[in-house]
């Protein structure tokens, strides 16, 4: 496991510690039309995603990610098994 993956797992663990019902995962996005790539961190709880506490945490994580040169994007998404299977098959899924 590389440092980038360790950082992402720390984020996922922290998010899940805030709400035991939330499903969260990270997956790498590499658009064909862009030279950039980033990690999307999906959060399944709208209440958590919109909270002030989560906003403060994401601000801190964005700052750390910039220093580490890791692209991050936090998204609210109601997760489906089809989407998780797709990400798993693309071999770019991190879950804990």
Protein backbone atom coordinates (compact mmCIF):
# COMPACT_ATOMS: atom_id res chain seq x y z
CA UNK A 1 0.00 0.00 0.00
CA UNK A 2 1.43 3.36 -0.99
CA UNK A 3 1.24 6.67 0.91
CA UNK A 4 -1.62 7.92 -1.25
CA UNK A 5 -3.75 4.87 -0.40
CA UNK A 6 -2.86 5.18 3.30
CA UNK A 7 -4.01 8.81 3.29
CA UNK A 8 -7.30 7.83 1.63
CA UNK A 9 -7.91 5.01 4.10
CA UNK A 10 -7.36 7.45 6.99
CA UNK A 11 -10.01 9.72 5.47
CA UNK A 12 -12.46 6.84 4.96
CA UNK A 13 -11.99 5.61 8.52
CA UNK A 14 -12.58 9.08 9.93
CA UNK A 15 -15.75 9.55 7.88
CA UNK A 16 -17.12 6.18 8.94
CA UNK A 17 -16.34 6.97 12.58
CA UNK A 18 -18.62 10.02 12.34
CA UNK A 19 -21.66 7.97 11.28
CA UNK A 20 -21.80 4.18 11.56
CA UNK A 21 -24.56 4.02 8.92
CA UNK A 22 -22.62 5.83 6.20
CA UNK A 23 -21.10 3.95 3.30
CA UNK A 24 -18.00 5.64 2.02
CA UNK A 25 -15.41 4.66 -0.55
CA UNK A 26 -12.78 6.24 -2.76
CA UNK A 27 -12.18 5.62 -6.42
CA UNK A 28 -9.76 7.05 -8.94
CA UNK A 29 -11.11 9.10 -11.83
CA UNK A 30 -9.03 9.33 -15.01
CA UNK A 31 -11.00 11.08 -17.75
CA UNK A 32 -9.89 10.34 -21.30
CA UNK A 33 -10.19 14.02 -22.20
CA UNK A 34 -8.05 15.34 -19.33
CA UNK A 35 -4.43 14.85 -18.34
CA UNK A 36 -5.47 15.11 -14.68
CA UNK A 37 -6.64 12.38 -12.35
CA UNK A 38 -8.18 12.55 -8.90
CA UNK A 39 -9.81 10.49 -6.19
CA UNK A 40 -13.53 10.88 -5.59
CA UNK A 41 -14.57 10.10 -2.05
CA UNK A 42 -18.21 9.11 -2.00
CA UNK A 43 -20.32 9.68 1.12
CA UNK A 44 -23.82 8.15 1.35
CA UNK A 45 -25.21 10.44 4.07
CA UNK A 46 -26.56 13.80 2.96
CA UNK A 47 -26.85 14.94 6.57
CA UNK A 48 -23.18 14.21 7.24
CA UNK A 49 -22.07 15.59 3.86
CA UNK A 50 -23.82 18.92 4.52
CA UNK A 51 -22.68 19.30 8.13
CA UNK A 52 -20.36 22.08 9.27
CA UNK A 53 -18.07 19.55 10.95
CA UNK A 54 -17.64 17.59 7.70
CA UNK A 55 -17.00 20.83 5.82
CA UNK A 56 -14.16 21.68 8.23
CA UNK A 57 -12.68 18.21 7.85
CA UNK A 58 -12.79 18.31 4.06
CA UNK A 59 -11.12 21.72 4.06
CA UNK A 60 -8.25 20.29 6.09
CA UNK A 61 -8.02 17.19 3.88
CA UNK A 62 -7.94 19.35 0.73
CA UNK A 63 -4.99 21.30 2.15
CA UNK A 64 -3.10 18.12 3.01
CA UNK A 65 -3.91 16.62 -0.39
CA UNK A 66 -2.54 19.70 -2.18
CA UNK A 67 0.73 19.35 -0.28
CA UNK A 68 0.88 15.64 -1.17
CA UNK A 69 -0.13 16.42 -4.78
CA UNK A 70 -3.20 14.21 -4.57
CA UNK A 71 -6.38 15.27 -6.34
CA UNK A 72 -9.49 14.91 -4.14
CA UNK A 73 -13.17 15.50 -4.67
CA UNK A 74 -15.80 14.72 -2.02
CA UNK A 75 -19.23 13.77 -3.38
CA UNK A 76 -22.59 12.82 -1.92
CA UNK A 77 -23.83 9.70 -3.64
CA UNK A 78 -26.45 7.13 -2.81
CA UNK A 79 -24.47 4.01 -3.55
CA UNK A 80 -25.67 1.17 -5.69
CA UNK A 81 -24.20 -2.31 -5.90
CA UNK A 82 -23.85 -1.85 -9.69
CA UNK A 83 -21.68 1.22 -9.25
CA UNK A 84 -19.51 -0.45 -6.63
CA UNK A 85 -19.06 -3.49 -8.87
CA UNK A 86 -18.08 -1.24 -11.78
CA UNK A 87 -15.46 0.56 -9.66
CA UNK A 88 -14.19 -2.77 -8.32
CA UNK A 89 -13.81 -4.14 -11.85
CA UNK A 90 -11.89 -1.01 -12.87
CA UNK A 91 -9.48 -1.83 -10.00
CA UNK A 92 -9.61 1.69 -8.65
CA UNK A 93 -11.84 1.19 -5.61
CA UNK A 94 -10.79 1.61 -1.98
CA UNK A 95 -13.20 0.55 0.76
CA UNK A 96 -12.67 -0.30 4.40
